[in-house]
Amino acid sequence: MSTALKLSDDLVEMAKTHAAAEHRSVPKQIEYWARLGKAVDDNPGLPLQFIKDTLLAVQEAKAGQLTTYTFGV
C-alpha cells in the first residue's frame, strides 16, 4: 500500500542527489532513509555502519546471495 505524503522541498532535493549516487529512485531513497532511521532508533547502542551492513545482509539473503562460512579456517 502506498500513501501520498507532503515532504519538504529541501528533503526531496537532498534525496535526488543521494538517489542518483545510489542508483535509486527518489521515493526509494527516502524509504531507505526511513528504514535506516528506524533501525538506528530501535538499536541506539549499535554503530551506524553495523546497522547498514546488517540491512544489506538481509537483502542479500533474500536474493539468495549466501555463502558458507567455515569456522577456524
Protein backbone atom coordinates (compact mmCIF):
# COMPACT_ATOMS: atom_id res chain seq x y z
CA MET A 1 0.00 0.00 0.00
CA SER A 2 1.37 3.39 -0.89
CA THR A 3 0.41 6.67 0.70
CA ALA A 4 0.88 10.17 -0.66
CA LEU A 5 2.93 12.39 1.65
CA LYS A 6 3.87 16.05 1.64
CA LEU A 7 7.62 16.37 2.06
CA SER A 8 9.76 19.47 2.26
CA ASP A 9 11.44 20.63 -0.92
CA ASP A 10 14.79 20.53 0.89
CA LEU A 11 14.39 16.84 1.76
CA VAL A 12 13.38 15.95 -1.79
CA GLU A 13 16.37 17.86 -3.22
CA MET A 14 18.78 16.09 -0.85
CA ALA A 15 17.19 12.77 -1.79
CA LYS A 16 17.65 13.44 -5.52
CA THR A 17 21.42 13.71 -5.13
CA HIS A 18 21.75 10.65 -2.93
CA ALA A 19 19.30 8.66 -5.05
CA ALA A 20 21.35 9.32 -8.17
CA ALA A 21 24.55 8.27 -6.43
CA GLU A 22 22.96 5.08 -5.09
CA HIS A 23 21.01 4.27 -8.29
CA ARG A 24 17.66 4.52 -6.50
CA SER A 25 14.52 6.47 -7.26
CA VAL A 26 13.82 9.46 -5.03
CA PRO A 27 10.94 7.69 -3.23
CA LYS A 28 13.13 4.60 -2.67
CA GLN A 29 15.92 6.80 -1.29
CA ILE A 30 13.56 8.41 1.20
CA GLU A 31 12.19 4.96 2.11
CA TYR A 32 15.77 3.74 2.68
CA TRP A 33 16.48 6.69 4.96
CA ALA A 34 13.28 6.00 6.89
CA ARG A 35 14.13 2.30 7.34
CA LEU A 36 17.68 3.15 8.37
CA GLY A 37 16.46 5.79 10.79
CA LYS A 38 14.01 3.34 12.37
CA ALA A 39 16.74 0.70 12.71
CA VAL A 40 19.04 3.25 14.37
CA ASP A 41 16.25 4.38 16.68
CA ASP A 42 15.46 0.75 17.59
CA ASN A 43 19.16 -0.05 18.22
CA PRO A 44 20.81 3.05 19.71
CA GLY A 45 23.81 1.10 21.02
CA LEU A 46 24.88 -0.23 17.63
CA PRO A 47 27.24 1.59 15.26
CA LEU A 48 25.60 3.00 12.12
CA GLN A 49 27.86 1.02 9.78
CA PHE A 50 26.93 -2.23 11.55
CA ILE A 51 23.24 -1.45 11.04
CA LYS A 52 23.79 -0.60 7.37
CA ASP A 53 25.78 -3.80 6.84
CA THR A 54 23.05 -5.83 8.55
CA LEU A 55 20.32 -4.32 6.37
CA LEU A 56 22.42 -5.13 3.30
CA ALA A 57 23.00 -8.69 4.51
CA VAL A 58 19.26 -9.23 4.96
CA GLN A 59 18.64 -8.16 1.36
CA GLU A 60 21.49 -10.35 0.08
CA ALA A 61 19.99 -13.33 1.92
CA LYS A 62 16.56 -12.63 0.42
CA ALA A 63 18.21 -12.57 -3.03
CA GLY A 64 19.88 -15.94 -2.39
CA GLN A 65 23.37 -14.45 -2.33
CA LEU A 66 24.60 -16.58 0.55
CA THR A 67 27.98 -18.20 1.02
CA THR A 68 29.01 -20.85 3.51
CA TYR A 69 31.33 -19.72 6.27
CA THR A 70 33.63 -22.33 7.84
CA PHE A 71 34.82 -21.51 11.33
CA GLY A 72 38.50 -21.91 12.10
CA VAL A 73 39.74 -21.81 8.52
